[in-house]
Amino acid sequence: MTGPVERSRFIAMTGLGERTGRRVLASLLDHGVLSAQSSRSPIAFAVPLKSLKVLFPNLWPEAEVE
């Protein structure tokens, strides 16, 4: 899957209940793993550079610089 996805579809893809899915979505947006233009717009995958060393250790040397 590529590109932005509707919020309701993302919550459904998690397999969680509505309330828990919304909490997970909010947390991922707060941590910068997902991004959105506004509070109602579709969401997109957006991994911040600072999290690359945690998510993909030893893959990108640039991620080791803090």
Foldseek 3Di string as FASTA:
>chain_A
DADFDFLVVQLVVVVDDPVVSVVVVVVCCVVQQWHAPDPGGTIHGGDDLCCCCVVPNPPDPVNVPD
